[in-house]
Amino acid sequence: MTNKKYQTIYSSIVPKGSIGTCVDIENGVVLAFRLEFENGESFWFMKRDLKEVAE
């Protein structure tokens, strides 16, 4: 599941349209992904707040 690309449906944390790469997931039932962005920032997002981006 890591290295997939996602966009957040909210633009309050990162600029709208920013695409992040999933670099870590919360163990157990997958509820949260840590996404890393091109500018070097990384944030945790709830899975429900993301949409997968085709590569």
N, C-alpha and C. Protein backbone atom coordinates (compact mmCIF):
# COMPACT_ATOMS: atom_id res chain seq x y z
N MET A 1 0.82 -1.19 0.00
CA MET A 1 0.00 0.00 0.00
C MET A 1 0.86 1.25 0.00
N THR A 2 2.09 1.14 0.44
CA THR A 2 2.96 2.32 0.42
C THR A 2 3.39 2.62 -1.01
N ASN A 3 3.84 3.83 -1.22
CA ASN A 3 4.29 4.37 -2.50
C ASN A 3 3.16 4.66 -3.47
N LYS A 4 1.90 4.49 -3.06
CA LYS A 4 0.79 4.92 -3.88
C LYS A 4 0.65 6.42 -3.72
N LYS A 5 0.05 7.07 -4.70
CA LYS A 5 -0.11 8.52 -4.68
C LYS A 5 -1.55 8.87 -4.30
N TYR A 6 -1.67 9.92 -3.47
CA TYR A 6 -2.98 10.36 -2.99
C TYR A 6 -3.06 11.87 -2.98
N GLN A 7 -4.29 12.37 -3.09
CA GLN A 7 -4.58 13.78 -2.86
C GLN A 7 -5.52 13.85 -1.68
N THR A 8 -5.36 14.87 -0.86
CA THR A 8 -6.30 15.09 0.22
C THR A 8 -7.51 15.85 -0.32
N ILE A 9 -8.68 15.55 0.21
CA ILE A 9 -9.87 16.24 -0.25
C ILE A 9 -10.02 17.59 0.43
N TYR A 10 -9.15 17.88 1.38
CA TYR A 10 -9.15 19.17 2.07
C TYR A 10 -7.87 19.91 1.74
N SER A 11 -7.97 21.21 1.53
CA SER A 11 -6.77 21.98 1.16
C SER A 11 -6.29 22.86 2.31
N SER A 12 -6.71 22.60 3.53
CA SER A 12 -6.31 23.45 4.65
C SER A 12 -4.89 23.15 5.13
N ILE A 13 -4.38 21.95 4.83
CA ILE A 13 -3.06 21.56 5.31
C ILE A 13 -2.01 21.72 4.22
N VAL A 14 -2.33 21.26 3.04
CA VAL A 14 -1.42 21.37 1.89
C VAL A 14 -2.17 22.07 0.77
N PRO A 15 -1.46 22.70 -0.17
CA PRO A 15 -2.15 23.37 -1.27
C PRO A 15 -3.04 22.42 -2.06
N LYS A 16 -4.18 22.91 -2.48
CA LYS A 16 -5.13 22.11 -3.24
C LYS A 16 -4.46 21.51 -4.47
N GLY A 17 -4.69 20.24 -4.70
CA GLY A 17 -4.10 19.57 -5.86
C GLY A 17 -2.75 18.96 -5.60
N SER A 18 -2.17 19.20 -4.41
CA SER A 18 -0.87 18.59 -4.10
C SER A 18 -1.03 17.08 -4.01
N ILE A 19 -0.09 16.38 -4.59
CA ILE A 19 -0.12 14.92 -4.57
C ILE A 19 0.99 14.43 -3.66
N GLY A 20 0.63 13.56 -2.72
CA GLY A 20 1.61 13.00 -1.79
C GLY A 20 1.80 11.52 -2.04
N THR A 21 2.96 11.02 -1.68
CA THR A 21 3.27 9.60 -1.79
C THR A 21 3.12 8.97 -0.42
N CYS A 22 2.38 7.86 -0.36
CA CYS A 22 2.19 7.16 0.92
C CYS A 22 3.50 6.49 1.30
N VAL A 23 4.08 6.91 2.43
CA VAL A 23 5.36 6.36 2.86
C VAL A 23 5.24 5.55 4.15
N ASP A 24 4.08 5.56 4.77
CA ASP A 24 3.89 4.81 6.01
C ASP A 24 2.40 4.65 6.24
N ILE A 25 2.00 3.56 6.88
CA ILE A 25 0.60 3.37 7.24
C ILE A 25 0.53 2.98 8.70
N GLU A 26 -0.59 3.28 9.32
CA GLU A 26 -0.82 2.87 10.71
C GLU A 26 -1.11 1.38 10.71
N ASN A 27 -0.49 0.64 11.61
CA ASN A 27 -0.68 -0.81 11.68
C ASN A 27 -2.10 -1.16 12.08
N GLY A 28 -2.48 -2.39 11.79
CA GLY A 28 -3.82 -2.85 12.11
C GLY A 28 -4.77 -2.47 10.99
N VAL A 29 -5.97 -2.12 11.34
CA VAL A 29 -6.93 -1.67 10.35
C VAL A 29 -6.43 -0.34 9.80
N VAL A 30 -6.31 -0.25 8.48
CA VAL A 30 -5.73 0.94 7.87
C VAL A 30 -6.70 2.10 7.95
N LEU A 31 -6.37 3.06 8.81
CA LEU A 31 -7.19 4.25 8.97
C LEU A 31 -6.41 5.52 8.64
N ALA A 32 -5.08 5.44 8.71
CA ALA A 32 -4.27 6.64 8.50
C ALA A 32 -3.06 6.35 7.63
N PHE A 33 -2.74 7.29 6.76
CA PHE A 33 -1.56 7.22 5.90
C PHE A 33 -0.68 8.43 6.18
N ARG A 34 0.62 8.23 6.11
CA ARG A 34 1.53 9.37 6.16
C ARG A 34 1.97 9.65 4.73
N LEU A 35 1.67 10.84 4.25
CA LEU A 35 2.02 11.22 2.89
C LEU A 35 3.19 12.18 2.90
N GLU A 36 4.08 11.98 1.95
CA GLU A 36 5.24 12.86 1.79
C GLU A 36 5.05 13.62 0.48
N PHE A 37 5.29 14.92 0.53
CA PHE A 37 5.08 15.79 -0.62
C PHE A 37 6.42 16.23 -1.21
N GLU A 38 6.37 16.72 -2.45
CA GLU A 38 7.59 17.10 -3.17
C GLU A 38 8.42 18.13 -2.45
N ASN A 39 7.78 18.98 -1.63
CA ASN A 39 8.53 20.01 -0.90
C ASN A 39 9.19 19.47 0.36
N GLY A 40 9.10 18.15 0.60
CA GLY A 40 9.76 17.52 1.73
C GLY A 40 8.90 17.39 2.97
N GLU A 41 7.74 18.03 2.99
CA GLU A 41 6.85 17.93 4.14
C GLU A 41 6.14 16.59 4.13
N SER A 42 5.80 16.10 5.32
CA SER A 42 4.98 14.90 5.39
C SER A 42 3.96 15.07 6.51
N PHE A 43 2.77 14.54 6.28
CA PHE A 43 1.68 14.67 7.22
C PHE A 43 0.90 13.36 7.27
N TRP A 44 0.27 13.11 8.41
CA TRP A 44 -0.65 11.98 8.55
C TRP A 44 -2.03 12.42 8.13
N PHE A 45 -2.73 11.57 7.38
CA PHE A 45 -4.10 11.84 6.95
C PHE A 45 -4.96 10.62 7.23
N MET A 46 -6.20 10.86 7.58
CA MET A 46 -7.15 9.78 7.70
C MET A 46 -7.47 9.27 6.30
N LYS A 47 -7.60 7.96 6.15
CA LYS A 47 -7.87 7.37 4.85
C LYS A 47 -9.12 7.97 4.22
N ARG A 48 -10.14 8.27 5.03
CA ARG A 48 -11.39 8.81 4.50
C ARG A 48 -11.22 10.20 3.88
N ASP A 49 -10.11 10.89 4.18
CA ASP A 49 -9.87 12.23 3.67
C ASP A 49 -9.00 12.26 2.41
N LEU A 50 -8.75 11.08 1.84
CA LEU A 50 -7.86 10.97 0.69
C LEU A 50 -8.56 10.34 -0.50
N LYS A 51 -8.06 10.68 -1.69
CA LYS A 51 -8.47 9.96 -2.88
C LYS A 51 -7.21 9.53 -3.60
N GLU A 52 -7.22 8.29 -4.08
CA GLU A 52 -6.04 7.76 -4.77
C GLU A 52 -5.91 8.39 -6.15
N VAL A 53 -4.66 8.64 -6.55
CA VAL A 53 -4.36 9.24 -7.84
C VAL A 53 -3.68 8.19 -8.70
N ALA A 54 -4.18 8.02 -9.92
CA ALA A 54 -3.56 7.06 -10.85
C ALA A 54 -2.17 7.55 -11.22
N GLU A 55 -1.25 6.61 -11.33
CA GLU A 55 0.13 6.99 -11.66
C GLU A 55 0.33 7.17 -13.12
